Amino acid sequence: MKPDRFIPAPPVSPGDVLRKYIFSNEGITQDSLAAAMQVSRFSINQIVNGKRSVTAEMALKLARVTSTTAELWLNLQLDVDLYRAKLKLSEHLNDLPILRPPKTDAELFSYATEADHSE
């Protein structure tokens, strides 16, 4: 029996990474992370529980105190946001008209080359 539609597994969230790799392996607590980042424990708890998104500012702070990168935290958040949006809009996205047809690789690369030489 085939399902009506394929629903991918949810992506790894910033909260998942904090729980699995930062808190459990490093002995860091939500309290100590919040204190190091100079934010409230409530803010950290909401990120851990997926109730608050990681902003650019929060990503910079997380990166600093965990010796990671801001891009790591923002990309995790981006994956979660896109996943949620796709689930929400899945029924209606295909109803939207396509205004610009897709370009082939040759068209994309020739356009980029022409734009680079036109300056």
C-alpha atoms as a PDB file:
ATOM      1  CA  MET A   1       0.000   0.000   0.000  1.00  0.00           C
ATOM      2  CA  LYS A   2       1.464   3.352  -1.078  1.00  0.00           C
ATOM      3  CA  PRO A   3       0.877   6.513   0.907  1.00  0.00           C
ATOM      4  CA  ASP A   4      -1.014   9.287  -0.873  1.00  0.00           C
ATOM      5  CA  ARG A   5       1.941  11.599  -0.625  1.00  0.00           C
ATOM      6  CA  PHE A   6       5.490  11.421   0.596  1.00  0.00           C
ATOM      7  CA  ILE A   7       6.182  13.394   3.769  1.00  0.00           C
ATOM      8  CA  PRO A   8       9.900  13.614   4.530  1.00  0.00           C
ATOM      9  CA  ALA A   9      11.152  13.286   8.069  1.00  0.00           C
ATOM     10  CA  PRO A  10      11.566  16.609   9.839  1.00  0.00           C
ATOM     11  CA  PRO A  11      15.048  18.105   9.633  1.00  0.00           C
ATOM     12  CA  VAL A  12      17.411  18.311  12.568  1.00  0.00           C
ATOM     13  CA  SER A  13      16.541  21.457  14.476  1.00  0.00           C
ATOM     14  CA  PRO A  14      18.782  23.819  16.437  1.00  0.00           C
ATOM     15  CA  GLY A  15      17.131  22.463  19.591  1.00  0.00           C
ATOM     16  CA  ASP A  16      17.997  18.892  18.572  1.00  0.00           C
ATOM     17  CA  VAL A  17      21.652  19.850  18.158  1.00  0.00           C
ATOM     18  CA  LEU A  18      21.712  21.647  21.490  1.00  0.00           C
ATOM     19  CA  ARG A  19      20.159  18.641  23.252  1.00  0.00           C
ATOM     20  CA  LYS A  20      22.202  15.926  21.572  1.00  0.00           C
ATOM     21  CA  TYR A  21      25.624  17.495  21.118  1.00  0.00           C
ATOM     22  CA  ILE A  22      25.943  20.456  23.432  1.00  0.00           C
ATOM     23  CA  PHE A  23      24.042  19.570  26.591  1.00  0.00           C
ATOM     24  CA  SER A  24      24.543  15.802  26.745  1.00  0.00           C
ATOM     25  CA  ASN A  25      28.172  15.465  25.673  1.00  0.00           C
ATOM     26  CA  GLU A  26      29.661  18.659  27.023  1.00  0.00           C
ATOM     27  CA  GLY A  27      27.996  18.871  30.420  1.00  0.00           C
ATOM     28  CA  ILE A  28      26.598  22.293  29.544  1.00  0.00           C
ATOM     29  CA  THR A  29      23.148  23.156  30.904  1.00  0.00           C
ATOM     30  CA  GLN A  30      20.497  25.505  29.596  1.00  0.00           C
ATOM     31  CA  ASP A  31      21.326  27.782  32.518  1.00  0.00           C
ATOM     32  CA  SER A  32      25.043  27.880  31.778  1.00  0.00           C
ATOM     33  CA  LEU A  33      24.464  28.385  28.049  1.00  0.00           C
ATOM     34  CA  ALA A  34      22.047  31.238  28.711  1.00  0.00           C
ATOM     35  CA  ALA A  35      24.474  32.880  31.137  1.00  0.00           C
ATOM     36  CA  ALA A  36      27.379  32.594  28.684  1.00  0.00           C
ATOM     37  CA  MET A  37      25.273  34.065  25.887  1.00  0.00           C
ATOM     38  CA  GLN A  38      23.850  36.771  28.153  1.00  0.00           C
ATOM     39  CA  VAL A  39      20.269  35.812  27.292  1.00  0.00           C
ATOM     40  CA  SER A  40      17.450  34.419  29.408  1.00  0.00           C
ATOM     41  CA  ARG A  41      17.141  30.728  30.175  1.00  0.00           C
ATOM     42  CA  PHE A  42      13.587  31.056  28.819  1.00  0.00           C
ATOM     43  CA  SER A  43      14.987  32.030  25.381  1.00  0.00           C
ATOM     44  CA  ILE A  44      17.273  29.004  25.330  1.00  0.00           C
ATOM     45  CA  ASN A  45      14.469  26.724  26.516  1.00  0.00           C
ATOM     46  CA  GLN A  46      12.182  27.955  23.754  1.00  0.00           C
ATOM     47  CA  ILE A  47      14.853  27.257  21.114  1.00  0.00           C
ATOM     48  CA  VAL A  48      15.469  23.804  22.581  1.00  0.00           C
ATOM     49  CA  ASN A  49      11.740  23.050  22.420  1.00  0.00           C
ATOM     50  CA  GLY A  50      11.251  24.453  18.905  1.00  0.00           C
ATOM     51  CA  LYS A  51       9.049  27.335  20.046  1.00  0.00           C
ATOM     52  CA  ARG A  52      11.490  30.095  19.073  1.00  0.00           C
ATOM     53  CA  SER A  53      13.562  30.506  15.941  1.00  0.00           C
ATOM     54  CA  VAL A  54      17.281  31.130  15.929  1.00  0.00           C
ATOM     55  CA  THR A  55      17.889  34.677  14.720  1.00  0.00           C
ATOM     56  CA  ALA A  56      21.129  35.979  13.213  1.00  0.00           C
ATOM     57  CA  GLU A  57      22.021  37.580  16.536  1.00  0.00           C
ATOM     58  CA  MET A  58      21.306  34.387  18.464  1.00  0.00           C
ATOM     59  CA  ALA A  59      23.285  32.375  15.889  1.00  0.00           C
ATOM     60  CA  LEU A  60      26.329  34.602  16.425  1.00  0.00           C
ATOM     61  CA  LYS A  61      26.085  34.146  20.186  1.00  0.00           C
ATOM     62  CA  LEU A  62      25.579  30.382  19.914  1.00  0.00           C
ATOM     63  CA  ALA A  63      28.530  30.124  17.551  1.00  0.00           C
ATOM     64  CA  ARG A  64      30.794  32.044  19.894  1.00  0.00           C
ATOM     65  CA  VAL A  65      29.992  30.136  23.076  1.00  0.00           C
ATOM     66  CA  THR A  66      29.902  26.667  21.441  1.00  0.00           C
ATOM     67  CA  SER A  67      32.913  27.107  19.105  1.00  0.00           C
ATOM     68  CA  THR A  68      30.760  26.495  16.047  1.00  0.00           C
ATOM     69  CA  THR A  69      29.622  28.831  13.261  1.00  0.00           C
ATOM     70  CA  ALA A  70      26.662  31.138  12.930  1.00  0.00           C
ATOM     71  CA  GLU A  71      25.992  29.529   9.549  1.00  0.00           C
ATOM     72  CA  LEU A  72      25.479  26.154  11.252  1.00  0.00           C
ATOM     73  CA  TRP A  73      22.708  27.538  13.462  1.00  0.00           C
ATOM     74  CA  LEU A  74      21.083  29.605  10.710  1.00  0.00           C
ATOM     75  CA  ASN A  75      21.136  26.703   8.240  1.00  0.00           C
ATOM     76  CA  LEU A  76      19.528  24.400  10.812  1.00  0.00           C
ATOM     77  CA  GLN A  77      16.821  27.015  11.356  1.00  0.00           C
ATOM     78  CA  LEU A  78      16.394  27.525   7.602  1.00  0.00           C
ATOM     79  CA  ASP A  79      15.845  23.788   7.094  1.00  0.00           C
ATOM     80  CA  VAL A  80      13.177  23.753   9.822  1.00  0.00           C
ATOM     81  CA  ASP A  81      11.458  26.861   8.438  1.00  0.00           C
ATOM     82  CA  LEU A  82      11.369  25.488   4.872  1.00  0.00           C
ATOM     83  CA  TYR A  83      10.095  22.115   6.067  1.00  0.00           C
ATOM     84  CA  ARG A  84       7.248  23.733   7.987  1.00  0.00           C
ATOM     85  CA  ALA A  85       6.391  26.040   5.070  1.00  0.00           C
ATOM     86  CA  LYS A  86       6.349  23.132   2.592  1.00  0.00           C
ATOM     87  CA  LEU A  87       3.996  21.175   4.827  1.00  0.00           C
ATOM     88  CA  LYS A  88       1.736  24.189   5.234  1.00  0.00           C
ATOM     89  CA  LEU A  89       1.662  25.113   1.528  1.00  0.00           C
ATOM     90  CA  SER A  90       1.949  21.649  -0.024  1.00  0.00           C
ATOM     91  CA  GLU A  91      -1.680  21.613  -1.162  1.00  0.00           C
ATOM     92  CA  HIS A  92      -1.523  25.043  -2.808  1.00  0.00           C
ATOM     93  CA  LEU A  93       1.982  25.483  -4.224  1.00  0.00           C
ATOM     94  CA  ASN A  94       1.244  23.579  -7.407  1.00  0.00           C
ATOM     95  CA  ASP A  95      -1.757  25.829  -8.062  1.00  0.00           C
ATOM     96  CA  LEU A  96       0.489  28.882  -8.437  1.00  0.00           C
ATOM     97  CA  PRO A  97       1.352  29.883 -12.006  1.00  0.00           C
ATOM     98  CA  ILE A  98       4.932  29.765 -13.254  1.00  0.00           C
ATOM     99  CA  LEU A  99       5.875  33.211 -14.552  1.00  0.00           C
ATOM    100  CA  ARG A 100       9.472  32.453 -15.564  1.00  0.00           C
ATOM    101  CA  PRO A 101      10.285  29.086 -17.123  1.00  0.00           C
ATOM    102  CA  PRO A 102      13.301  27.237 -15.732  1.00  0.00           C
ATOM    103  CA  LYS A 103      16.654  27.831 -17.409  1.00  0.00           C
ATOM    104  CA  THR A 104      19.080  25.142 -18.534  1.00  0.00           C
ATOM    105  CA  ASP A 105      22.570  25.059 -17.062  1.00  0.00           C
ATOM    106  CA  ALA A 106      23.939  26.414 -20.339  1.00  0.00           C
ATOM    107  CA  GLU A 107      21.551  29.370 -20.207  1.00  0.00           C
ATOM    108  CA  LEU A 108      22.386  30.089 -16.581  1.00  0.00           C
ATOM    109  CA  PHE A 109      26.124  29.935 -17.122  1.00  0.00           C
ATOM    110  CA  SER A 110      26.094  31.911 -20.362  1.00  0.00           C
ATOM    111  CA  TYR A 111      24.034  34.631 -18.672  1.00  0.00           C
ATOM    112  CA  ALA A 112      26.469  34.812 -15.760  1.00  0.00           C
ATOM    113  CA  THR A 113      29.419  34.975 -18.144  1.00  0.00           C
ATOM    114  CA  GLU A 114      27.802  37.753 -20.203  1.00  0.00           C
ATOM    115  CA  ALA A 115      26.925  39.728 -17.075  1.00  0.00           C
ATOM    116  CA  ASP A 116      30.497  39.418 -15.784  1.00  0.00           C
ATOM    117  CA  HIS A 117      31.940  40.791 -19.040  1.00  0.00           C
ATOM    118  CA  SER A 118      29.448  43.598 -19.515  1.00  0.00           C
ATOM    119  CA  GLU A 119      30.899  45.719 -16.704  1.00  0.00           C
END
